[in-house]
Protein backbone atom coordinates (compact mmCIF):
# COMPACT_ATOMS: atom_id res chain seq x y z
CA MET A 1 0.01 -0.01 0.11
CA ASN A 2 1.43 3.32 -1.00
CA ARG A 3 1.91 5.71 2.02
CA THR A 4 4.29 8.21 0.22
CA ARG A 5 2.33 11.43 1.04
CA SER A 6 1.56 10.39 4.70
CA THR A 7 5.27 9.96 5.23
CA ALA A 8 6.10 13.05 3.49
CA LEU A 9 3.68 14.90 5.57
CA PHE A 10 4.93 13.38 8.79
CA GLU A 11 8.46 14.38 8.02
CA GLU A 12 7.26 17.95 7.42
CA ALA A 13 5.21 17.61 10.74
CA LYS A 14 8.33 17.06 12.70
CA GLN A 15 9.42 20.58 11.76
CA TYR A 16 6.39 21.91 13.63
CA PHE A 17 5.23 19.43 16.38
CA PRO A 18 7.02 17.55 19.03
CA GLY A 19 7.67 14.19 17.45
CA GLY A 20 5.66 15.29 14.61
CA VAL A 21 2.07 14.90 16.36
CA ASN A 22 -0.05 16.53 18.71
CA SER A 23 -0.85 13.31 20.92
CA PRO A 24 2.00 10.82 21.54
CA VAL A 25 0.21 7.69 20.16
CA ARG A 26 -0.53 9.35 17.01
CA ALA A 27 3.22 8.90 16.28
CA PHE A 28 3.10 5.22 15.32
CA LYS A 29 6.13 4.33 17.65
CA SER A 30 4.51 1.06 18.73
CA VAL A 31 3.83 -0.17 15.34
CA HIS A 32 5.66 -0.09 11.72
CA GLY A 33 5.90 3.01 9.40
CA ALA A 34 4.86 6.24 9.79
CA PRO A 35 1.30 7.57 10.70
CA LEU A 36 -1.32 7.98 8.27
CA PHE A 37 -2.47 11.35 7.64
CA ILE A 38 -6.27 11.29 7.07
CA LYS A 39 -7.97 13.21 4.33
CA ASN A 40 -11.62 12.23 4.84
CA ALA A 41 -14.03 9.80 6.45
CA HIS A 42 -17.81 8.84 6.16
CA GLY A 43 -19.54 6.02 8.05
CA ALA A 44 -17.18 3.18 8.89
CA ILE A 45 -14.65 3.99 6.07
CA MET A 46 -11.56 6.44 6.22
CA TYR A 47 -9.37 7.66 3.53
CA ASP A 48 -5.68 8.81 3.96
CA GLU A 49 -3.77 11.45 1.88
CA ASP A 50 -2.59 8.76 -0.49
CA ASP A 51 -6.31 7.69 -1.16
CA ASN A 52 -6.05 4.32 0.67
CA GLU A 53 -9.60 3.22 1.97
CA PHE A 54 -9.54 1.73 5.66
CA ILE A 55 -12.33 0.11 7.61
CA ASP A 56 -11.95 2.11 10.93
CA PHE A 57 -12.32 0.56 14.20
CA CYS A 58 -10.54 3.48 16.11
CA CYS A 59 -13.38 5.91 15.58
CA SER A 60 -11.34 8.82 16.88
CA TRP A 61 -10.61 6.86 19.88
CA GLY A 62 -14.04 6.32 20.70
CA PRO A 63 -16.25 9.31 20.33
CA LEU A 64 -17.60 8.18 16.86
CA ILE A 65 -20.16 5.81 18.01
CA HIS A 66 -22.48 6.74 15.10
CA GLY A 67 -19.57 6.76 12.54
CA HIS A 68 -17.62 9.37 10.71
CA ASN A 69 -19.46 12.42 9.54
CA ASN A 70 -22.83 11.31 10.50
CA PRO A 71 -25.39 13.34 8.24
CA ILE A 72 -27.78 13.92 11.05
CA ILE A 73 -25.09 15.30 13.64
CA LYS A 74 -23.45 17.09 10.79
CA GLU A 75 -26.81 18.91 9.90
CA ALA A 76 -27.30 19.93 13.44
CA VAL A 77 -24.00 21.41 13.68
CA ILE A 78 -24.26 23.48 10.62
CA LYS A 79 -27.53 24.73 11.54
CA THR A 80 -25.92 26.01 14.83
CA ILE A 81 -22.82 27.27 13.57
CA GLN A 82 -24.78 29.50 11.25
CA ASN A 83 -25.62 31.72 14.34
CA GLY A 84 -22.02 31.79 15.71
CA MET A 85 -19.33 29.46 17.00
CA SER A 86 -18.64 30.64 20.33
CA PHE A 87 -19.99 33.41 22.88
CA GLY A 88 -18.38 32.72 25.99
CA ALA A 89 -21.82 32.99 27.43
CA PRO A 90 -24.74 30.45 28.28
CA THR A 91 -26.69 29.27 25.48
CA VAL A 92 -29.92 26.97 25.39
CA HIS A 93 -27.76 24.22 23.65
CA GLY A 94 -25.76 23.68 27.07
CA ASN A 95 -29.20 23.51 28.95
CA MET A 96 -30.58 20.91 26.46
CA LEU A 97 -27.50 18.66 26.60
CA GLY A 98 -27.29 19.01 30.47
CA ALA A 99 -30.83 18.08 30.78
CA ALA A 100 -30.64 15.25 28.60
CA MET A 101 -27.83 13.58 30.38
CA ILE A 102 -29.25 14.24 33.79
CA GLU A 103 -32.61 12.79 32.67
CA GLN A 104 -30.81 9.67 31.16
CA ASN A 105 -28.59 8.96 34.21
CA ARG A 106 -29.92 8.14 37.56
CA TYR A 107 -26.69 9.03 39.28
CA LEU A 108 -26.26 12.45 37.89
CA GLU A 109 -27.94 15.32 39.70
CA LYS A 110 -25.65 18.25 38.56
CA VAL A 111 -23.28 18.48 35.69
CA ARG A 112 -20.62 21.01 34.32
CA PHE A 113 -19.28 20.92 31.09
CA VAL A 114 -15.52 21.40 30.08
CA SER A 115 -13.60 20.83 26.91
CA SER A 116 -11.95 17.46 27.31
CA GLY A 117 -11.73 14.20 29.49
CA THR A 118 -8.46 15.12 31.18
CA GLU A 119 -10.05 18.55 32.26
CA ALA A 120 -13.09 16.75 33.52
CA VAL A 121 -10.95 14.36 35.67
CA MET A 122 -8.53 17.22 36.96
CA SER A 123 -11.75 19.08 38.01
CA ALA A 124 -13.31 16.20 39.69
CA VAL A 125 -10.42 15.42 41.71
CA ARG A 126 -10.06 18.95 42.94
CA LEU A 127 -13.82 18.93 43.83
CA ALA A 128 -13.30 15.66 45.71
CA ARG A 129 -10.52 17.22 47.60
CA GLY A 130 -12.37 20.48 48.30
CA TYR A 131 -15.37 18.94 49.33
CA THR A 132 -13.91 16.59 51.77
CA GLY A 133 -11.00 18.62 53.00
CA LYS A 134 -8.66 15.70 52.42
CA SER A 135 -5.84 15.75 49.76
CA LYS A 136 -4.89 11.95 48.64
CA ILE A 137 -6.38 9.96 45.82
CA ILE A 138 -6.34 6.37 45.32
CA LYS A 139 -6.06 5.26 41.82
CA PHE A 140 -5.52 1.70 40.26
CA ASP A 141 -2.74 0.51 37.95
CA GLY A 142 -3.68 0.09 34.68
CA CYS A 143 -6.62 2.72 34.77
CA TYR A 144 -5.77 6.15 32.78
CA HIS A 145 -7.23 9.47 33.67
CA GLY A 146 -5.61 11.61 31.31
CA HIS A 147 -2.73 13.78 31.86
CA VAL A 148 -3.66 15.21 35.18
CA ASP A 149 -0.35 15.88 37.17
CA SER A 150 -1.53 13.98 40.39
CA LEU A 151 -2.70 11.07 38.16
CA MET A 152 0.38 10.49 36.01
CA VAL A 153 1.89 8.18 38.59
CA LYS A 154 2.82 4.56 38.70
CA ALA A 155 2.92 1.92 41.56
CA GLY A 156 6.11 1.45 43.40
CA SER A 157 7.37 -1.94 44.52
CA GLY A 158 4.53 -2.78 46.95
CA LEU A 159 0.99 -3.93 46.52
CA ALA A 160 -0.42 -0.60 47.62
CA THR A 161 2.14 2.28 47.28
CA PHE A 162 2.42 5.93 47.26
CA GLY A 163 2.98 6.86 43.46
CA THR A 164 6.01 7.64 41.73
CA SER A 165 6.06 9.95 38.64
CA SER A 166 5.36 8.54 35.34
CA SER A 167 6.22 11.64 33.67
CA ALA A 168 8.85 14.21 33.62
CA GLY A 169 7.43 17.53 35.06
CA VAL A 170 5.43 16.01 37.57
CA PRO A 171 6.96 16.58 41.02
CA GLU A 172 7.52 13.70 43.27
CA SER A 173 5.77 15.65 46.14
CA LEU A 174 2.61 15.89 44.08
CA ALA A 175 2.85 12.14 42.91
CA LYS A 176 3.01 11.10 46.53
CA GLU A 177 -0.57 12.62 47.11
CA THR A 178 -1.68 9.47 45.02
CA ILE A 179 -1.82 5.95 46.15
CA VAL A 180 -1.54 3.46 43.56
CA ILE A 181 -3.37 -0.21 44.03
CA ASN A 182 -3.36 -3.07 41.67
CA LEU A 183 -6.73 -3.67 39.93
CA ASN A 184 -8.93 -6.42 41.45
CA ASP A 185 -6.97 -6.42 44.85
CA LEU A 186 -9.67 -5.72 47.48
CA GLN A 187 -7.49 -6.66 50.38
CA ALA A 188 -4.80 -4.11 49.39
CA LEU A 189 -7.59 -1.52 49.09
CA GLU A 190 -9.22 -2.28 52.33
CA ASP A 191 -5.83 -2.08 54.14
CA THR A 192 -4.84 1.28 52.54
CA LEU A 193 -8.31 2.62 53.70
CA VAL A 194 -7.78 1.45 57.05
CA ALA A 195 -4.48 3.08 57.31
CA HIS A 196 -4.93 6.34 55.48
CA SER A 197 -8.92 7.02 55.15
CA ALA A 198 -8.34 10.19 57.34
CA ASP A 199 -6.21 11.58 54.26
CA ILE A 200 -8.00 10.07 51.43
CA ALA A 201 -10.54 12.19 49.46
CA ALA A 202 -11.59 9.85 46.81
CA ILE A 203 -11.06 6.70 44.96
CA ILE A 204 -10.97 7.05 41.06
CA ILE A 205 -11.37 4.13 38.73
CA GLU A 206 -12.23 3.47 35.01
CA PRO A 207 -15.30 1.01 35.87
CA VAL A 208 -14.40 -0.41 32.40
CA PRO A 209 -10.60 0.01 32.19
CA ALA A 210 -9.90 0.24 28.30
CA ASN A 211 -6.63 2.35 28.32
CA ASN A 212 -4.49 -0.28 29.05
CA GLY A 213 -6.06 -3.32 27.32
CA LEU A 214 -9.62 -4.16 28.09
CA LEU A 215 -9.36 -5.06 31.77
CA LEU A 216 -12.86 -6.07 32.79
CA GLN A 217 -13.63 -6.12 36.39
CA ASP A 218 -16.12 -8.56 38.07
CA GLN A 219 -19.40 -6.38 39.28
CA ASN A 220 -18.64 -7.63 42.86
CA PHE A 221 -15.10 -5.84 42.89
CA LEU A 222 -16.77 -2.61 41.97
CA ILE A 223 -19.61 -3.11 44.43
CA TRP A 224 -17.11 -3.78 47.37
CA VAL A 225 -15.32 -0.62 46.11
CA ARG A 226 -18.36 1.33 46.73
CA LYS A 227 -18.92 -0.25 50.16
CA LEU A 228 -15.41 0.41 51.06
CA CYS A 229 -15.87 4.10 50.21
CA ASP A 230 -19.10 4.30 52.37
CA ASP A 231 -17.48 2.53 55.20
CA HIS A 232 -14.27 4.96 55.15
CA ASP A 233 -16.11 8.28 54.12
CA VAL A 234 -14.15 8.32 50.87
CA LEU A 235 -15.78 9.76 47.44
CA LEU A 236 -15.96 7.38 44.81
CA ILE A 237 -15.20 8.69 41.28
CA LEU A 238 -16.04 6.69 38.02
CA ASP A 239 -14.20 7.96 35.15
CA GLU A 240 -16.62 7.14 32.21
CA VAL A 241 -14.94 9.04 29.64
CA ILE A 242 -14.66 5.98 27.46
CA SER A 243 -17.47 3.88 28.77
CA GLY A 244 -20.08 6.51 29.31
CA TYR A 245 -22.62 6.25 26.63
CA ARG A 246 -20.48 3.43 24.98
CA VAL A 247 -21.87 0.51 27.04
CA GLY A 248 -25.51 2.03 27.77
CA LEU A 249 -27.05 5.35 28.27
CA GLU A 250 -26.08 5.34 32.09
CA GLY A 251 -22.62 3.88 31.10
CA ALA A 252 -20.80 1.45 33.30
CA ALA A 253 -22.44 2.77 36.68
CA GLY A 254 -25.77 1.72 35.24
CA TYR A 255 -24.26 -1.36 33.64
CA TYR A 256 -22.97 -2.71 37.10
CA SER A 257 -25.33 -0.95 39.22
CA VAL A 258 -22.87 0.96 41.05
CA GLU A 259 -23.67 4.32 42.55
CA PRO A 260 -20.82 6.91 42.26
CA ASP A 261 -20.42 10.37 43.99
CA LEU A 262 -18.98 11.91 40.79
CA LEU A 263 -18.68 10.93 37.16
CA THR A 264 -16.58 12.33 34.41
CA PHE A 265 -17.39 11.97 30.70
CA GLY A 266 -15.93 12.77 27.30
CA LYS A 267 -15.79 11.20 23.78
CA ILE A 268 -19.43 10.38 22.76
CA ILE A 269 -21.10 13.45 24.46
CA GLY A 270 -19.16 15.64 22.10
CA GLY A 271 -20.39 13.96 18.85
CA GLY A 272 -16.88 14.23 17.47
CA LEU A 273 -16.07 17.79 18.87
CA PRO A 274 -13.91 18.50 21.90
CA VAL A 275 -16.20 18.09 25.14
CA GLY A 276 -15.78 16.56 28.63
CA ALA A 277 -18.05 16.87 31.59
CA PHE A 278 -17.99 15.97 35.23
CA GLY A 279 -20.97 15.84 37.68
CA GLY A 280 -22.89 13.61 40.06
CA LYS A 281 -24.56 14.50 43.50
CA ALA A 282 -25.91 17.94 43.62
CA ASP A 283 -24.64 18.48 47.26
CA ILE A 284 -20.97 17.68 46.14
CA MET A 285 -21.55 19.82 42.87
CA GLY A 286 -22.73 22.75 45.01
CA HIS A 287 -19.24 23.16 46.17
CA ILE A 288 -18.09 24.20 42.51
CA SER A 289 -18.02 27.99 41.95
CA PRO A 290 -19.73 30.40 41.90
CA ASP A 291 -22.00 28.19 44.38
CA GLY A 292 -18.96 27.06 46.40
CA PRO A 293 -15.43 27.37 46.97
CA VAL A 294 -13.82 25.02 44.44
CA TYR A 295 -12.87 27.09 41.48
CA GLN A 296 -13.13 25.75 37.78
CA ALA A 297 -13.61 27.84 34.76
CA GLY A 298 -13.41 27.56 31.05
CA THR A 299 -13.62 29.75 28.05
CA LEU A 300 -14.90 27.49 25.54
CA SER A 301 -16.93 25.31 28.14
CA ALA A 302 -20.26 24.27 26.83
CA ASN A 303 -19.44 25.82 23.47
CA PRO A 304 -23.04 25.91 21.49
CA VAL A 305 -21.45 23.94 18.40
CA ALA A 306 -20.03 21.19 20.67
CA MET A 307 -23.11 21.01 22.81
CA THR A 308 -25.30 20.62 19.72
CA ALA A 309 -23.14 17.83 18.38
CA GLY A 310 -23.09 16.15 21.60
CA LEU A 311 -26.95 16.32 22.07
CA THR A 312 -27.59 14.84 18.78
CA SER A 313 -25.12 12.26 19.34
CA ILE A 314 -26.82 11.19 22.81
CA GLU A 315 -30.22 11.36 21.30
CA LEU A 316 -29.21 8.96 18.48
CA CYS A 317 -27.95 6.77 21.35
CA ALA A 318 -31.45 6.81 23.12
CA LYS A 319 -33.33 5.51 20.23
CA ASP A 320 -35.12 2.18 21.10
CA GLY A 321 -32.85 -0.82 20.43
CA PHE A 322 -29.64 1.00 19.83
CA TYR A 323 -27.46 -0.52 22.27
CA GLU A 324 -28.80 -4.03 21.37
CA SER A 325 -28.05 -3.57 17.74
CA GLN A 326 -24.48 -2.20 18.67
CA LYS A 327 -23.97 -5.45 20.89
CA ILE A 328 -25.31 -7.70 18.07
CA LYS A 329 -22.99 -6.16 15.59
CA THR A 330 -19.94 -6.15 17.79
CA MET A 331 -20.47 -9.97 18.66
CA ARG A 332 -20.93 -10.70 14.98
CA LEU A 333 -17.21 -9.45 14.44
CA VAL A 334 -16.04 -10.83 17.86
CA ASN A 335 -17.70 -14.43 17.37
CA ASN A 336 -15.99 -14.67 13.68
CA LEU A 337 -12.69 -13.77 15.08
CA ARG A 338 -13.09 -16.12 18.03
CA GLY A 339 -14.11 -18.93 15.89
CA HIS A 340 -11.11 -18.77 13.67
CA ILE A 341 -8.70 -18.32 16.74
CA GLU A 342 -10.03 -21.41 18.44
CA SER A 343 -10.20 -23.59 15.15
CA LYS A 344 -6.27 -22.74 14.74
CA GLY A 345 -5.41 -22.97 18.57
CA TYR A 346 -3.67 -19.60 18.53
CA GLU A 347 -2.52 -18.04 21.80
CA MET A 348 -5.06 -15.35 21.65
CA SER A 349 -8.45 -14.17 22.67
CA ILE A 350 -10.94 -11.48 22.12
CA VAL A 351 -12.17 -9.48 24.91
CA THR A 352 -15.57 -7.43 24.69
CA ILE A 353 -18.03 -5.31 26.37
CA GLY A 354 -20.69 -3.27 24.76
CA SER A 355 -19.36 -2.07 21.47
CA ILE A 356 -15.74 -2.24 22.49
CA PHE A 357 -13.26 -5.14 21.75
CA TRP A 358 -9.56 -5.82 22.36
CA LEU A 359 -7.25 -8.36 20.71
CA ALA A 360 -5.37 -9.91 23.65
CA PHE A 361 -2.61 -12.22 22.75
CA SER A 362 -3.31 -14.71 25.59
CA LYS A 363 -5.86 -17.42 26.45
CA SER A 364 -6.08 -16.47 29.98
CA ARG A 365 -8.39 -13.83 31.52
CA ILE A 366 -6.55 -10.42 31.69
CA ALA A 367 -8.12 -8.27 34.71
CA SER A 368 -4.72 -6.18 35.61
CA SER A 369 -2.17 -4.42 33.72
CA GLN A 370 0.43 -6.74 35.35
CA GLU A 371 -1.01 -9.75 33.53
CA ILE A 372 -0.25 -8.38 29.97
CA ASP A 373 2.99 -9.83 28.47
CA PRO A 374 4.93 -7.00 27.04
CA ALA A 375 6.45 -9.29 24.63
CA SER A 376 2.98 -9.94 22.98
CA MET A 377 3.20 -6.38 21.57
CA GLU A 378 5.56 -7.56 18.97
CA LEU A 379 2.68 -9.78 17.59
CA PHE A 380 0.25 -6.95 17.60
CA LYS A 381 3.03 -4.78 15.77
CA LYS A 382 3.15 -7.65 12.77
CA LEU A 383 -0.73 -7.93 13.05
CA HIS A 384 -1.10 -4.01 12.71
CA ALA A 385 1.02 -3.77 9.75
CA TYR A 386 -0.64 -6.58 7.98
CA LEU A 387 -4.08 -4.62 8.51
CA LEU A 388 -3.10 -1.39 7.31
CA ASP A 389 -1.55 -3.06 4.17
CA HIS A 390 -5.09 -4.75 3.60
CA GLY A 391 -7.37 -1.96 4.56
CA VAL A 392 -8.14 -2.29 8.37
CA TYR A 393 -7.34 0.52 10.73
CA LEU A 394 -6.88 -0.08 14.28
CA GLY A 395 -5.39 2.11 17.15
CA PRO A 396 -1.52 2.01 16.73
CA SER A 397 -0.95 0.22 19.81
CA GLY A 398 -1.67 -3.29 21.26
CA TYR A 399 -2.72 -1.83 24.72
CA GLU A 400 -5.50 0.11 22.95
CA VAL A 401 -9.10 -1.03 22.29
CA GLY A 402 -11.24 -1.13 19.25
CA PHE A 403 -14.75 0.09 18.79
CA VAL A 404 -17.59 -0.46 16.44
CA SER A 405 -20.16 2.23 15.33
CA SER A 406 -23.61 2.22 14.21
CA ALA A 407 -22.13 2.78 10.67
CA HIS A 408 -20.29 -0.63 10.60
CA THR A 409 -22.72 -2.68 8.49
CA ASN A 410 -22.70 -6.61 8.62
CA ILE A 411 -21.02 -6.53 5.06
CA ILE A 412 -18.30 -4.15 6.40
CA LEU A 413 -17.85 -6.27 9.61
CA ASP A 414 -17.66 -9.62 7.47
CA LYS A 415 -15.15 -8.21 5.44
CA ALA A 416 -12.92 -6.88 8.31
CA ALA A 417 -13.30 -10.17 10.05
CA GLN A 418 -11.83 -12.06 6.92
CA ILE A 419 -9.00 -9.63 6.75
CA ILE A 420 -8.16 -9.55 10.60
CA CYS A 421 -8.44 -13.49 10.39
CA ASP A 422 -5.96 -13.57 7.52
CA GLY A 423 -3.89 -11.05 9.45
CA ILE A 424 -3.78 -13.32 12.60
CA ASP A 425 -2.59 -16.34 10.40
CA HIS A 426 0.18 -14.13 8.93
CA THR A 427 1.05 -13.07 12.44
CA PHE A 428 1.45 -16.64 13.95
CA THR A 429 3.02 -18.22 10.88
CA ASN A 430 5.55 -15.80 9.77
């Protein structure tokens, strides 16, 4: 497959941007070749600057649950944009999206819009600290919450440790305000809360960890996390930037019936435009300025164009049978891949929930990041190169998940399944 123009554009981009990109994973460091420069996309199909065609399962890293350039979302955006793109003032569009989200989610009483998932998490953590008067946060190894300073930490040598910085520029003094625990380790969590609950403001977790593989947790684990929060007077923050509106209208909170104190959102509530949000119980949200002492602000927060795209996106999600259809489509792809893998006896499995899937190079269930064999990423690297050459686009890292959109038809899914099966054969036999 010819990628001459993408390669040339990448070389040019290196003159302007660190590493030639504006977000690190886009640099294709974990896979072969230069990154694709995308020209346009419609539905489930994406075209690069060399006019190569790809079936896209990255979907802009998850927001495009209705596919690229969805005509209904596009028409709504054009109608709104004719009246202006930004006012730095309230608009009816923000009211409408806020009302819809609160109506659709029993755990959401008040919400505030921001411009990214990272900003949503940063604000929720600040609110938790301001509300409780405590400073420390518990997070889980393998969960990603954006590039928030106090959450850019990794575990030390113990089962439950004060974090150490995972990025230059994050002071160790700040990293030590975060305690890192392995996923699915209730004993370590309970021991930590017994020892430090007087200092711990909140526990934050991706209820569907999907940034370091798809590390599905047992419902009982999440229920016990909620109980431990109650027992020790600690807030529970569910980071639903990926799972929100992806596994159901109430996200993973509704899927698992686990009540959070605060929620964070992004991706789908922007309909393809930059949006994030945090929200939860009204009494906690009442501590956000101007009602309370916890400061948070944003010039482009609740931008009318982004609000319109998000509202239209979640209205489409709310249509009868939408999530059932998404699951059926995803299982069609997953079952085709699983059948092939099992027939060949490959050391591989497909993990899935809702319309999310992950290609795992292990037959064992993987529930924590420590269980992922780093050597398996070499297999993904080979597979990714094959798929690009044959017109299927996955995120350029074996730790990233894939997404199915409503624009993926059965014909497209079956074609993609055959290409991926051929790619798996190539990966394991060459």
